[in-house]
Protein backbone atom coordinates (compact mmCIF):
# COMPACT_ATOMS: atom_id res chain seq x y z
CA MET A 1 -19.83 -8.16 24.95
CA SER A 2 -17.37 -8.10 22.05
CA MET A 3 -14.35 -10.44 22.04
CA ARG A 4 -11.13 -8.29 22.06
CA THR A 5 -9.11 -11.10 20.53
CA PRO A 6 -10.02 -13.95 18.25
CA GLN A 7 -9.75 -17.58 19.41
CA VAL A 8 -6.44 -18.86 18.02
CA GLU A 9 -6.56 -21.91 15.80
CA PRO A 10 -3.34 -22.12 13.82
CA ASP A 11 -3.73 -22.45 10.04
CA PRO A 12 -0.84 -24.52 8.68
CA THR A 13 -1.66 -23.41 5.09
CA LEU A 14 -0.51 -19.80 5.90
CA PRO A 15 3.04 -18.50 6.40
CA PRO A 16 4.16 -18.40 10.10
CA GLU A 17 4.82 -14.66 9.81
CA ILE A 18 3.92 -11.80 7.46
CA THR A 19 5.15 -8.22 6.92
CA ILE A 20 2.48 -5.58 6.86
CA TYR A 21 3.30 -2.75 4.56
CA GLU A 22 1.26 0.12 6.12
CA VAL A 23 -0.03 2.64 3.51
CA GLY A 24 -2.53 4.60 5.62
CA ALA A 25 -0.42 7.72 5.95
CA ARG A 26 0.12 8.01 2.18
CA ASP A 27 -2.43 5.99 0.18
CA GLY A 28 -5.01 6.31 2.97
CA LEU A 29 -4.90 10.04 3.26
CA GLN A 30 -4.18 11.10 -0.34
CA ASN A 31 -7.95 11.05 -1.13
CA GLU A 32 -9.10 13.23 1.74
CA LYS A 33 -10.70 16.43 0.56
CA ALA A 34 -9.84 18.44 3.63
CA VAL A 35 -6.06 18.80 4.04
CA VAL A 36 -4.82 16.94 7.07
CA PRO A 37 -2.16 19.10 8.85
CA ALA A 38 1.46 17.91 8.59
CA ALA A 39 1.77 17.61 12.37
CA VAL A 40 -1.22 15.21 12.41
CA LYS A 41 0.24 13.10 9.65
CA ALA A 42 3.63 12.87 11.46
CA GLU A 43 1.88 11.93 14.69
CA PHE A 44 -0.18 9.28 12.79
CA ILE A 45 3.08 7.75 11.39
CA ARG A 46 4.66 7.77 14.90
CA ARG A 47 1.57 6.01 16.37
CA LEU A 48 1.47 3.44 13.62
CA ALA A 49 5.17 2.59 14.25
CA ALA A 50 4.54 2.44 18.01
CA ALA A 51 1.69 -0.05 17.38
CA GLY A 52 4.32 -2.41 15.81
CA LEU A 53 3.99 -1.59 12.13
CA ALA A 54 7.69 -1.73 11.16
CA THR A 55 7.12 -0.64 7.55
CA VAL A 56 5.17 2.59 7.10
CA GLU A 57 4.93 4.48 3.77
CA THR A 58 5.18 8.04 4.83
CA THR A 59 4.32 10.33 1.91
CA SER A 60 4.70 11.07 -1.79
CA PHE A 61 6.96 13.53 -3.64
CA VAL A 62 4.38 14.05 -6.38
CA ASN A 63 3.60 17.42 -8.03
CA PRO A 64 1.35 19.15 -5.36
CA GLN A 65 -1.08 20.13 -8.12
CA TRP A 66 -1.83 16.40 -8.68
CA VAL A 67 -2.31 15.46 -5.01
CA PRO A 68 -2.66 18.61 -2.91
CA GLN A 69 -2.97 16.52 0.29
CA LEU A 70 0.66 15.46 -0.06
CA ALA A 71 2.12 18.92 -0.84
CA ASP A 72 3.62 18.89 2.65
CA ALA A 73 5.85 15.84 2.08
CA SER A 74 9.12 17.64 3.07
CA GLU A 75 7.49 19.12 6.10
CA VAL A 76 6.18 15.76 7.27
CA LEU A 77 9.61 14.18 6.93
CA GLU A 78 11.19 17.11 8.75
CA LEU A 79 8.76 16.65 11.64
CA LEU A 80 9.53 12.98 11.82
CA GLY A 81 13.32 13.45 11.82
CA ASP A 82 15.23 10.16 11.98
CA GLU A 83 11.91 8.29 12.48
CA GLY A 84 10.97 9.05 8.82
CA LEU A 85 14.17 7.68 7.36
CA GLY A 86 15.60 4.26 6.69
CA PRO A 87 14.63 1.31 4.51
CA ARG A 88 11.29 0.82 6.40
CA ARG A 89 9.99 4.31 5.64
CA PRO A 90 9.37 4.37 1.84
CA VAL A 91 8.11 7.45 0.00
CA LEU A 92 6.53 7.54 -3.44
CA VAL A 93 8.49 9.18 -6.25
CA PRO A 94 7.03 9.54 -9.76
CA ASN A 95 10.08 10.91 -11.55
CA GLU A 96 13.66 12.24 -11.15
CA ARG A 97 12.45 15.51 -9.64
CA GLY A 98 10.60 13.54 -6.97
CA LEU A 99 13.69 11.45 -6.44
CA ASP A 100 15.88 14.57 -6.03
CA ARG A 101 13.50 15.76 -3.21
CA ALA A 102 13.55 12.30 -1.59
CA LEU A 103 17.38 12.11 -1.62
CA GLU A 104 17.55 15.69 -0.25
CA ALA A 105 15.29 14.58 2.65
CA GLY A 106 17.62 11.60 3.29
CA VAL A 107 15.09 8.76 2.86
CA GLY A 108 16.25 5.17 2.62
CA ALA A 109 13.52 3.71 0.38
CA VAL A 110 11.40 4.81 -2.56
CA ALA A 111 8.48 3.47 -4.56
CA ILE A 112 7.64 4.10 -8.17
CA PHE A 113 4.06 3.60 -9.39
CA GLY A 114 3.34 2.13 -12.74
CA SER A 115 0.12 0.98 -14.44
CA ALA A 116 -0.83 -2.28 -16.15
CA THR A 117 -3.17 -0.32 -18.48
CA GLU A 118 -2.76 2.55 -20.96
CA SER A 119 -5.86 4.38 -19.69
CA PHE A 120 -4.68 4.56 -16.11
CA ALA A 121 -1.11 5.41 -17.08
CA ARG A 122 -2.51 8.41 -18.95
CA LYS A 123 -4.83 9.47 -16.06
CA ASN A 124 -2.28 8.90 -13.29
CA LEU A 125 0.99 9.85 -14.93
CA ASN A 126 -0.05 11.64 -18.08
CA ARG A 127 2.04 9.21 -20.09
CA SER A 128 1.76 5.95 -21.99
CA VAL A 129 2.95 2.76 -20.32
CA ASP A 130 6.13 2.83 -22.46
CA GLU A 131 6.74 6.51 -21.54
CA SER A 132 6.18 5.89 -17.86
CA ILE A 133 8.68 3.03 -17.80
CA ALA A 134 11.20 5.22 -19.64
CA MET A 135 10.60 7.90 -16.97
CA PHE A 136 11.15 5.34 -14.15
CA ALA A 137 14.44 3.87 -15.56
CA PRO A 138 16.75 6.62 -14.37
CA VAL A 139 14.84 6.96 -11.07
CA VAL A 140 15.49 3.33 -10.16
CA GLU A 141 19.08 3.40 -11.43
CA ARG A 142 19.92 6.50 -9.40
CA ALA A 143 18.03 5.27 -6.37
CA GLN A 144 19.83 1.91 -6.42
CA GLY A 145 23.15 3.78 -6.95
CA ALA A 146 22.41 5.80 -3.77
CA GLY A 147 21.81 2.53 -1.88
CA LEU A 148 18.03 2.97 -1.56
CA TRP A 149 15.51 0.13 -1.43
CA VAL A 150 13.12 0.41 -4.35
CA ARG A 151 9.59 -0.86 -4.74
CA ALA A 152 7.45 -0.92 -7.94
CA TYR A 153 3.71 -0.56 -7.68
CA VAL A 154 1.62 -1.77 -10.58
CA SER A 155 -1.94 -0.41 -10.63
CA MET A 156 -5.01 -1.95 -12.26
CA CYS A 157 -3.70 -5.51 -12.11
CA PHE A 158 -7.13 -7.09 -11.98
CA GLY A 159 -9.41 -4.69 -13.85
CA ASP A 160 -9.63 -1.07 -15.05
CA PRO A 161 -12.65 1.23 -14.92
CA TRP A 162 -12.03 2.44 -18.47
CA GLU A 163 -10.79 -0.76 -20.10
CA GLY A 164 -12.62 -3.44 -18.14
CA PRO A 165 -10.87 -6.84 -17.68
CA VAL A 166 -7.06 -6.70 -17.96
CA PRO A 167 -5.31 -9.71 -19.50
CA VAL A 168 -3.02 -11.54 -17.08
CA ASP A 169 -0.24 -11.53 -19.71
CA GLN A 170 -0.41 -7.82 -20.01
CA VAL A 171 -0.01 -7.34 -16.30
CA VAL A 172 2.96 -9.81 -16.22
CA SER A 173 4.60 -7.96 -19.16
CA VAL A 174 4.46 -4.57 -17.36
CA ALA A 175 5.56 -6.16 -14.05
CA GLU A 176 8.52 -7.80 -15.76
CA ARG A 177 9.63 -4.58 -17.35
CA LEU A 178 9.46 -2.73 -14.00
CA MET A 179 11.38 -5.41 -12.18
CA ASP A 180 14.01 -5.50 -14.98
CA LEU A 181 14.75 -1.88 -14.10
CA GLY A 182 16.24 -3.26 -10.83
CA CYS A 183 13.42 -2.90 -8.30
CA ASP A 184 13.58 -4.93 -5.06
CA GLN A 185 9.86 -5.56 -4.67
CA LEU A 186 6.72 -5.57 -6.75
CA SER A 187 3.34 -4.60 -5.30
CA LEU A 188 0.29 -5.89 -7.22
CA GLY A 189 -2.48 -3.35 -6.96
CA ASP A 190 -6.16 -4.16 -7.24
CA THR A 191 -6.98 -0.43 -7.56
CA ILE A 192 -10.74 -0.79 -7.97
CA GLY A 193 -11.16 -3.90 -5.78
CA VAL A 194 -12.52 -6.26 -8.47
CA ALA A 195 -10.09 -9.19 -7.98
CA THR A 196 -11.37 -12.59 -6.99
CA SER A 197 -9.48 -15.59 -5.65
CA GLY A 198 -8.91 -17.56 -8.83
CA HIS A 199 -7.66 -14.44 -10.58
CA VAL A 200 -5.17 -13.73 -7.85
CA ALA A 201 -3.80 -17.29 -7.97
CA ARG A 202 -3.49 -17.18 -11.76
CA LEU A 203 -1.57 -13.90 -11.80
CA LEU A 204 0.87 -15.10 -9.09
CA ASP A 205 1.42 -18.33 -11.01
CA ALA A 206 2.02 -16.44 -14.26
CA LEU A 207 4.57 -14.09 -12.53
CA HIS A 208 6.30 -17.09 -11.00
CA ASP A 209 6.54 -18.70 -14.47
CA ARG A 210 8.35 -15.57 -15.69
CA GLY A 211 10.86 -15.59 -12.86
CA ILE A 212 9.15 -13.10 -10.44
CA GLY A 213 8.74 -15.23 -7.34
CA VAL A 214 6.51 -14.65 -4.35
CA ASP A 215 9.55 -13.70 -2.27
CA ARG A 216 9.66 -10.40 -4.25
CA ILE A 217 5.91 -9.71 -4.32
CA GLY A 218 3.58 -7.72 -2.12
CA VAL A 219 -0.19 -7.64 -2.62
CA HIS A 220 -2.37 -4.48 -2.38
CA PHE A 221 -6.09 -5.18 -2.40
CA HIS A 222 -8.88 -2.67 -2.22
CA ASP A 223 -12.14 -3.69 -0.48
CA THR A 224 -14.58 -2.15 -2.93
CA TYR A 225 -16.38 -5.51 -3.41
CA GLY A 226 -15.58 -6.92 -0.03
CA GLN A 227 -12.89 -9.26 -1.42
CA ALA A 228 -9.70 -7.78 -0.07
CA LEU A 229 -9.18 -10.19 2.85
CA SER A 230 -10.18 -13.34 0.90
CA ASN A 231 -7.82 -12.31 -1.93
CA THR A 232 -5.03 -11.71 0.63
CA LEU A 233 -5.46 -15.22 2.02
CA VAL A 234 -5.14 -16.71 -1.47
CA ALA A 235 -1.86 -14.82 -2.00
CA LEU A 236 -0.55 -15.88 1.42
CA ARG A 237 -1.35 -19.50 0.68
CA ARG A 238 0.68 -19.12 -2.53
CA GLY A 239 3.68 -18.00 -0.38
CA VAL A 240 3.39 -14.19 -0.49
CA THR A 241 4.42 -12.72 2.87
CA VAL A 242 4.12 -8.96 2.29
CA VAL A 243 0.61 -7.40 2.52
CA ASP A 244 -0.23 -3.72 1.93
CA SER A 245 -3.00 -2.40 4.22
CA SER A 246 -4.25 0.82 5.61
CA ALA A 247 -4.98 1.61 9.29
CA GLY A 248 -8.73 1.98 9.62
CA GLY A 249 -9.30 1.02 5.97
CA LEU A 250 -8.59 4.56 4.81
CA GLY A 251 -7.94 5.34 1.24
CA GLY A 252 -8.95 5.03 -2.36
CA CYS A 253 -7.52 6.45 -5.55
CA PRO A 254 -7.93 10.06 -6.67
CA TYR A 255 -8.06 9.02 -10.32
CA ALA A 256 -10.40 6.09 -10.09
CA GLU A 257 -13.86 7.03 -8.71
CA SER A 258 -14.99 3.46 -8.18
CA ALA A 259 -12.04 2.69 -5.82
CA THR A 260 -12.91 2.58 -2.15
CA GLY A 261 -10.60 1.98 0.78
CA ASN A 262 -7.72 -0.35 1.10
CA LEU A 263 -7.78 -3.58 3.12
CA ALA A 264 -7.98 -2.40 6.69
CA THR A 265 -4.90 -3.24 8.75
CA GLU A 266 -7.05 -4.13 11.75
CA ASP A 267 -9.09 -6.64 9.76
CA LEU A 268 -5.85 -8.25 8.48
CA VAL A 269 -4.31 -8.30 12.00
CA TRP A 270 -7.41 -9.89 13.49
CA ALA A 271 -7.48 -12.61 10.82
CA MET A 272 -3.81 -13.33 11.22
CA ALA A 273 -3.97 -13.43 15.01
CA GLY A 274 -6.76 -16.00 14.80
CA ALA A 275 -4.70 -18.11 12.41
CA GLY A 276 -1.57 -17.97 14.57
CA VAL A 277 0.31 -15.87 12.03
CA ARG A 278 2.77 -13.36 13.52
CA THR A 279 2.47 -9.69 12.48
CA GLY A 280 4.24 -7.90 15.32
CA VAL A 281 1.24 -5.54 15.63
CA ASP A 282 -0.47 -4.63 18.88
CA LEU A 283 -4.13 -4.56 17.85
CA GLU A 284 -5.29 -2.39 20.84
CA ALA A 285 -2.69 0.27 20.01
CA LEU A 286 -3.64 0.21 16.44
CA LEU A 287 -7.40 0.53 17.25
CA GLY A 288 -6.61 3.58 19.31
CA THR A 289 -4.64 5.07 16.51
CA SER A 290 -7.39 4.50 13.91
CA ALA A 291 -10.06 5.88 16.28
CA TRP A 292 -7.82 8.92 16.86
CA MET A 293 -7.44 9.51 13.05
CA ALA A 294 -11.20 8.97 12.44
CA GLN A 295 -11.80 11.80 14.93
CA HIS A 296 -9.45 14.05 12.96
CA LEU A 297 -11.22 13.17 9.76
CA GLY A 298 -14.64 13.58 11.35
CA ARG A 299 -16.14 10.25 10.31
CA PRO A 300 -16.19 6.63 11.49
CA SER A 301 -13.51 4.16 10.28
CA PRO A 302 -14.66 1.81 7.44
CA SER A 303 -12.80 -1.09 9.10
CA ALA A 304 -15.11 -3.82 10.34
CA VAL A 305 -12.84 -4.70 13.25
CA VAL A 306 -12.51 -1.05 14.27
CA ARG A 307 -16.33 -0.73 14.25
CA ALA A 308 -16.78 -3.97 16.26
CA LEU A 309 -14.17 -3.06 18.92
CA THR A 310 -14.57 0.74 19.21
CA PRO A 311 -17.69 2.00 21.00
CA ALA A 312 -19.62 4.54 18.92
CA PRO A 313 -19.33 8.09 20.28
CA ALA A 314 -22.36 9.02 22.39
């Protein structure tokens, strides 16, 4: 018999409450080869919200040629209606054209996505780091002017498949430049999942020393090497309270072949529940949602908790 809930033993080294920034509908699905219908995406977002995930990234206004899976961004937001708007429903925008579409749709929050390395900036944005920051500047300025909440993602914070190790100072420098544009929150991306605990602590300390405190930071770990949850715990013990995760552990990165799925939201919720940390998420509802999406995708969820608690189909 599997235990449906962990035994609760409060961990005083962790924050009493965290905010889960759910990326399954965007980061999770962007890698899928078969296009998921807009109606299924909208229903997925509704179910995630109903399970208690207050912050759900909905889609991305990128060029459909780059990420065909997200070509239906406007349609998804139309299907969601008011549920897809507001400061807890961010959309990704790479440039001013993307921002125009986001503003037209009436969204309340946007995210830009930079890179700590030149190689990935070229692959992901077809620009150098300097050029990409110049491209983001008017996006952030106009978004802030329109009263939107703005997040900055930094990819490849802990290692890059083309460049190898990424110096902490280099990451801090790019992060600082993005936050200087006026962003509200910084998400540190371990795009290929190579971060380890000491590396996470060192980067957070270095950002703190440059005036970017944990109150403005979210962490985004991939589980390629099985380190996502342990790295998250290090960040939480340093005072971070925003964690990016993906329902069912969906996702990867279309431009980095060695990147596997994000930290699974269920694995995070289970760990937090056992430690007495509030997430506001109903694990049973979330399990049902991930099992439903796994059926749509035609394969089992990579999440360990989903596998432990969801009977395999006969």
